[in-house]
Structure formats: structure tokens, C-alpha cells
Amino acid sequence: MLGVVTWAGGARAESIQETADPTSPRIAPSGAPGDAEEGNAEAEEDTFSHAMQAGLRVGVVGAYRVVMRYDASPLCRAPELEKPVKDQQKLCGFMGPPALDLALSFAPFAGLEPFLWARFGLGAEDATETEPLLLFGAGLRAYTMSDSRFKIFIEPAVAFTAEGGTGATYQFANATAYQPDYKGDLQFHLAAGPQYDFAKVFGVYLSAGTTVGVLRSINASMEFGGGVQLRLP
């Protein structure tokens, strides 16, 4: 009986020595620093915040336009020369030509992105005999769920247009020659839409909204479009 006990005690001591052997492989605890660093890297990859990133946005927009003329505003449909100028149509609706949208931005915070904005018409507006649109302005994009791939943005902006007319002059009944006034127009813009970021440096978006002008005439554009956005760093 003593021999059995002695053998068991020796086997147990040998087992403890093997466990304590520094050359034996060890398993790191689940809270090891390496695991924490790897988890932080994965968390950063899953965050699509644009804080402290500069951006370039390129898109195409189309619009249905509604124009309410002042007396000196450009006409909004083919003139009826047998009528005096004051009796020409005052309210018109028509499809406007498509335009190219460009914006340069910088986001000081995750959910706020100020931008400088330009819009260039891809054709003349025949209904009002206006040259291709030249619009320059500034605005702010505010994002919901700014850390996720999928975001919703709201975009207020203000701009000024600088395009002129085609130079047409009309001779209406009981009136002298009439030349429309193509003054620059102050524009107020509001749009919203979804954005999806494939990476922190690249995303796509859709937008819908309106732009309203008040100087050349009272005019509103119901807009729809989309584009891509590139960001650095």
C-alpha cells in the first residue's frame, strides 16, 4: 500500500513539474494586449465617419422648372407677338436641361460637412432663352448615422447664378422693342437623400430637393440626381 501511495505522489509531482516547465507552450488569456489591438483595428475599419476628411463630390442633376415672371423677366414660352408684352404668359412649367454638380468639402466633425458648390448646365434653357447655367455657392451637409456605411444627409445651401440670355429682342403689338432682363439670380437650395460608403474614401449618393430663385423671376426647380464622393485622407 505504501508503494502505491509513493508512486502516485511521484507521478503527481512529475505532472506539476511538467506544467511549470518554462519551455511548455502557454495559452494567452482572452484579454491579452494583442487581442485588444486587433479589436481596435477592426473597429476603426467598421467606422465610416468623415471627420477631418476633405472631399470632392461629382454628380448629375435634372429638374422640372416652374417660373413665375415679373414684367421684365425673360419669357418662359414662345412669344405671342400679336399681344402686348404685359399679356405674355406669366406662369410656365417645363423640363430644364441637365447639369453637372461639383462640390469641394471639409468635415470638421463627423456629422457636419461644409462645402463650396458649383453647377454647370449641360445645355441652354430654350424655354427662357437662357445660356447654360452657371451657379456658384456654399452649403452644409448634415449626416445622420455618420459612423455607418449607410447615411441620410440634409443639404441646405445658398448660391448666385451668372449666366446670361441669348440676346433675343422682340417687337410686340402696341409696344416698342422688348429685351428681357437676364440679371443674376439669388438661389436658395435644400435637398436630402441617402449615401452609401463602400470605403472611408469612396461613396455614392442620390438626392432630391428644390432650388428657388427670387431676383430674375420667382422660379423653382424640383431636382433629382446622384453622384459619387471621393475623400482624403
Protein backbone atom coordinates (compact mmCIF):
# COMPACT_ATOMS: atom_id res chain seq x y z
CA MET A 1 0.00 0.00 0.00
CA LEU A 2 2.86 2.42 0.83
CA GLY A 3 4.45 1.73 -2.56
CA VAL A 4 1.22 2.64 -4.37
CA VAL A 5 0.93 5.91 -2.47
CA THR A 6 4.59 6.76 -3.12
CA TRP A 7 4.22 6.08 -6.87
CA ALA A 8 1.06 8.24 -7.05
CA GLY A 9 2.77 11.08 -5.22
CA GLY A 10 5.75 10.89 -7.55
CA ALA A 11 3.54 10.94 -10.65
CA ARG A 12 1.69 13.96 -9.30
CA ALA A 13 4.94 15.83 -8.63
CA GLU A 14 6.21 14.99 -12.10
CA SER A 15 2.97 16.29 -13.62
CA ILE A 16 3.29 19.58 -11.67
CA GLN A 17 6.90 19.95 -12.84
CA GLU A 18 5.90 19.46 -16.48
CA THR A 19 3.16 22.10 -16.14
CA ALA A 20 5.61 24.53 -14.62
CA ASP A 21 8.21 23.85 -17.32
CA PRO A 22 9.01 27.23 -18.97
CA THR A 23 9.54 25.51 -22.30
CA SER A 24 5.95 24.26 -22.34
CA PRO A 25 3.54 26.13 -24.71
CA ARG A 26 1.27 28.66 -22.99
CA ILE A 27 -2.16 29.95 -23.97
CA ALA A 28 -2.56 33.74 -23.70
CA PRO A 29 -5.59 34.92 -21.70
CA SER A 30 -8.52 36.25 -23.66
CA GLY A 31 -7.79 39.81 -22.53
CA ALA A 32 -4.21 39.88 -23.90
CA PRO A 33 -2.94 43.21 -25.40
CA GLY A 34 -2.63 41.65 -28.86
CA ASP A 35 -6.33 40.84 -28.95
CA ALA A 36 -7.21 44.39 -27.84
CA GLU A 37 -5.09 45.95 -30.61
CA GLU A 38 -6.66 43.69 -33.23
CA GLY A 39 -10.14 44.57 -31.95
CA ASN A 40 -9.38 48.31 -32.14
CA ALA A 41 -8.16 47.95 -35.74
CA GLU A 42 -11.35 46.12 -36.73
CA ALA A 43 -13.46 48.80 -35.01
CA GLU A 44 -11.67 51.53 -36.98
CA GLU A 45 -12.29 49.67 -40.26
CA ASP A 46 -16.00 49.45 -39.41
CA THR A 47 -16.27 53.22 -38.77
CA PHE A 48 -17.18 55.37 -41.78
CA SER A 49 -17.05 58.77 -40.13
CA HIS A 50 -15.81 61.61 -42.39
CA ALA A 51 -14.43 63.76 -39.57
CA MET A 52 -11.30 65.68 -40.65
CA GLN A 53 -11.57 64.46 -44.26
CA ALA A 54 -11.60 66.63 -47.39
CA GLY A 55 -13.99 65.61 -50.16
CA LEU A 56 -14.76 66.03 -53.85
CA ARG A 57 -18.33 65.42 -54.97
CA VAL A 58 -19.29 64.94 -58.64
CA GLY A 59 -22.88 64.37 -59.77
CA VAL A 60 -25.52 64.96 -62.42
CA VAL A 61 -28.87 66.61 -61.67
CA GLY A 62 -32.07 67.06 -63.66
CA ALA A 63 -35.01 69.30 -62.80
CA TYR A 64 -38.59 70.23 -63.59
CA ARG A 65 -38.78 74.02 -63.58
CA VAL A 66 -41.66 76.34 -62.66
CA VAL A 67 -41.26 80.05 -63.49
CA MET A 68 -43.45 82.98 -62.47
CA ARG A 69 -42.32 86.04 -64.45
CA TYR A 70 -42.01 89.65 -63.42
CA ASP A 71 -42.79 92.21 -66.14
CA ALA A 72 -39.12 92.50 -67.12
CA SER A 73 -38.31 88.78 -66.71
CA PRO A 74 -37.31 86.61 -69.66
CA LEU A 75 -40.24 84.96 -71.42
CA CYS A 76 -40.92 81.36 -70.47
CA ARG A 77 -42.58 80.16 -73.67
CA ALA A 78 -42.67 81.10 -77.34
CA PRO A 79 -43.87 84.74 -77.58
CA GLU A 80 -47.27 85.70 -78.98
CA LEU A 81 -46.26 88.79 -80.93
CA GLU A 82 -49.84 89.88 -81.61
CA LYS A 83 -50.31 90.50 -77.86
CA PRO A 84 -48.65 93.29 -75.84
CA VAL A 85 -45.76 92.29 -73.60
CA LYS A 86 -47.84 92.62 -70.43
CA ASP A 87 -50.17 89.90 -71.71
CA GLN A 88 -47.46 87.33 -72.35
CA GLN A 89 -47.74 84.16 -70.27
CA LYS A 90 -46.63 84.74 -66.68
CA LEU A 91 -46.53 81.17 -65.29
CA CYS A 92 -44.77 78.28 -67.06
CA GLY A 93 -43.61 74.76 -66.28
CA PHE A 94 -41.06 72.75 -68.27
CA MET A 95 -38.15 70.32 -68.02
CA GLY A 96 -34.84 72.08 -67.58
CA PRO A 97 -31.59 70.85 -69.14
CA PRO A 98 -29.42 68.53 -67.04
CA ALA A 99 -26.47 69.99 -65.13
CA LEU A 100 -23.16 68.89 -63.66
CA ASP A 101 -22.82 69.31 -59.89
CA LEU A 102 -19.39 69.80 -58.26
CA ALA A 103 -18.56 70.40 -54.61
CA LEU A 104 -15.39 70.70 -52.51
CA SER A 105 -15.88 69.93 -48.83
CA PHE A 106 -14.17 69.51 -45.48
CA ALA A 107 -15.76 67.87 -42.44
CA PRO A 108 -14.52 69.27 -39.11
CA PHE A 109 -16.97 66.94 -37.34
CA ALA A 110 -18.40 63.52 -38.18
CA GLY A 111 -21.92 64.71 -38.94
CA LEU A 112 -21.28 68.18 -40.44
CA GLU A 113 -19.65 68.87 -43.80
CA PRO A 114 -19.44 72.47 -45.15
CA PHE A 115 -18.86 72.68 -48.91
CA LEU A 116 -18.26 75.06 -51.81
CA TRP A 117 -20.63 74.36 -54.68
CA ALA A 118 -20.73 74.87 -58.44
CA ARG A 119 -23.31 73.79 -61.03
CA PHE A 120 -22.78 73.93 -64.79
CA GLY A 121 -25.66 73.49 -67.22
CA LEU A 122 -25.11 70.90 -69.96
CA GLY A 123 -27.31 72.83 -72.39
CA ALA A 124 -29.15 76.11 -72.87
CA GLU A 125 -32.65 76.55 -71.42
CA ASP A 126 -34.74 77.00 -74.57
CA ALA A 127 -37.98 77.93 -72.80
CA THR A 128 -36.47 81.10 -71.33
CA GLU A 129 -33.77 81.54 -73.99
CA THR A 130 -31.09 81.41 -71.30
CA GLU A 131 -27.49 80.33 -71.75
CA PRO A 132 -26.25 77.19 -69.90
CA LEU A 133 -26.48 77.57 -66.14
CA LEU A 134 -23.52 78.99 -64.19
CA LEU A 135 -24.15 78.66 -60.44
CA PHE A 136 -21.71 79.21 -57.55
CA GLY A 137 -22.48 78.90 -53.86
CA ALA A 138 -21.82 77.30 -50.49
CA GLY A 139 -23.71 74.96 -48.20
CA LEU A 140 -23.63 72.38 -45.43
CA ARG A 141 -24.35 68.65 -45.42
CA ALA A 142 -25.61 67.23 -42.13
CA TYR A 143 -25.50 63.42 -41.81
CA THR A 144 -27.48 61.02 -39.69
CA MET A 145 -25.73 57.76 -38.59
CA SER A 146 -22.42 59.39 -39.53
CA ASP A 147 -20.30 56.38 -38.45
CA SER A 148 -22.16 53.82 -40.59
CA ARG A 149 -21.81 52.89 -44.25
CA PHE A 150 -25.40 53.97 -44.93
CA LYS A 151 -26.24 57.58 -44.14
CA ILE A 152 -29.01 60.10 -44.76
CA PHE A 153 -28.00 63.68 -45.47
CA ILE A 154 -29.80 67.03 -45.43
CA GLU A 155 -28.24 69.77 -47.55
CA PRO A 156 -29.12 73.48 -47.29
CA ALA A 157 -27.18 75.91 -49.49
CA VAL A 158 -27.26 79.40 -51.00
CA ALA A 159 -25.91 80.37 -54.43
CA PHE A 160 -25.81 83.02 -57.14
CA THR A 161 -26.27 82.43 -60.88
CA ALA A 162 -24.30 84.32 -63.52
CA GLU A 163 -25.49 83.05 -66.93
CA GLY A 164 -26.92 85.47 -69.48
CA GLY A 165 -29.51 85.34 -72.23
CA THR A 166 -29.24 84.56 -75.91
CA GLY A 167 -29.74 88.23 -76.82
CA ALA A 168 -33.20 87.89 -78.35
CA THR A 169 -35.23 91.09 -78.92
CA TYR A 170 -38.99 91.07 -79.59
CA GLN A 171 -41.41 93.55 -81.17
CA PHE A 172 -44.84 93.08 -79.61
CA ALA A 173 -48.14 94.69 -80.62
CA ASN A 174 -48.58 98.27 -79.34
CA ALA A 175 -45.11 98.28 -77.81
CA THR A 176 -41.56 99.20 -78.57
CA ALA A 177 -38.86 96.59 -78.90
CA TYR A 178 -38.61 94.45 -75.75
CA GLN A 179 -35.40 92.86 -74.48
CA PRO A 180 -35.62 90.62 -71.37
CA ASP A 181 -33.51 91.39 -68.29
CA TYR A 182 -31.14 88.49 -67.52
CA LYS A 183 -29.90 89.76 -64.17
CA GLY A 184 -28.03 87.45 -61.83
CA ASP A 185 -30.28 85.42 -59.58
CA LEU A 186 -30.07 84.60 -55.86
CA GLN A 187 -30.84 80.91 -55.26
CA PHE A 188 -31.87 79.04 -52.10
CA HIS A 189 -31.32 75.28 -52.17
CA LEU A 190 -32.49 72.39 -49.99
CA ALA A 191 -32.01 68.70 -50.76
CA ALA A 192 -31.80 65.36 -48.97
CA GLY A 193 -31.05 61.76 -49.78
CA PRO A 194 -29.21 58.54 -48.97
CA GLN A 195 -25.47 57.91 -49.20
CA TYR A 196 -23.61 54.60 -49.11
CA ASP A 197 -19.88 54.45 -48.40
CA PHE A 198 -18.04 51.49 -49.89
CA ALA A 199 -14.92 52.70 -48.05
CA LYS A 200 -13.89 55.71 -45.96
CA VAL A 201 -12.58 57.31 -49.17
CA PHE A 202 -15.38 56.48 -51.63
CA GLY A 203 -19.19 56.58 -51.61
CA VAL A 204 -22.23 57.10 -53.82
CA TYR A 205 -25.38 59.15 -53.18
CA LEU A 206 -28.84 60.03 -54.50
CA SER A 207 -30.57 63.35 -53.86
CA ALA A 208 -33.91 65.08 -54.32
CA GLY A 209 -34.84 68.62 -53.44
CA THR A 210 -35.57 72.10 -54.70
CA THR A 211 -33.73 75.30 -55.64
CA VAL A 212 -35.67 78.58 -55.59
CA GLY A 213 -34.65 81.85 -57.26
CA VAL A 214 -36.16 85.26 -56.47
CA LEU A 215 -34.44 88.05 -58.47
CA ARG A 216 -34.74 87.30 -62.18
CA SER A 217 -38.17 85.80 -61.60
CA ILE A 218 -39.81 83.68 -58.94
CA ASN A 219 -38.62 80.29 -60.11
CA ALA A 220 -38.35 76.85 -58.55
CA SER A 221 -36.55 73.71 -59.70
CA MET A 222 -37.73 70.33 -58.44
CA GLU A 223 -34.47 68.40 -58.65
CA PHE A 224 -33.33 64.80 -58.69
CA GLY A 225 -29.85 63.39 -59.20
CA GLY A 226 -26.93 61.40 -57.89
CA GLY A 227 -23.19 61.04 -57.99
CA VAL A 228 -20.00 59.90 -56.29
CA GLN A 229 -17.89 61.32 -53.49
CA LEU A 230 -14.12 60.91 -53.03
CA ARG A 231 -12.35 61.73 -49.74
CA LEU A 232 -8.84 62.17 -48.35
CA PRO A 233 -7.05 61.14 -46.24
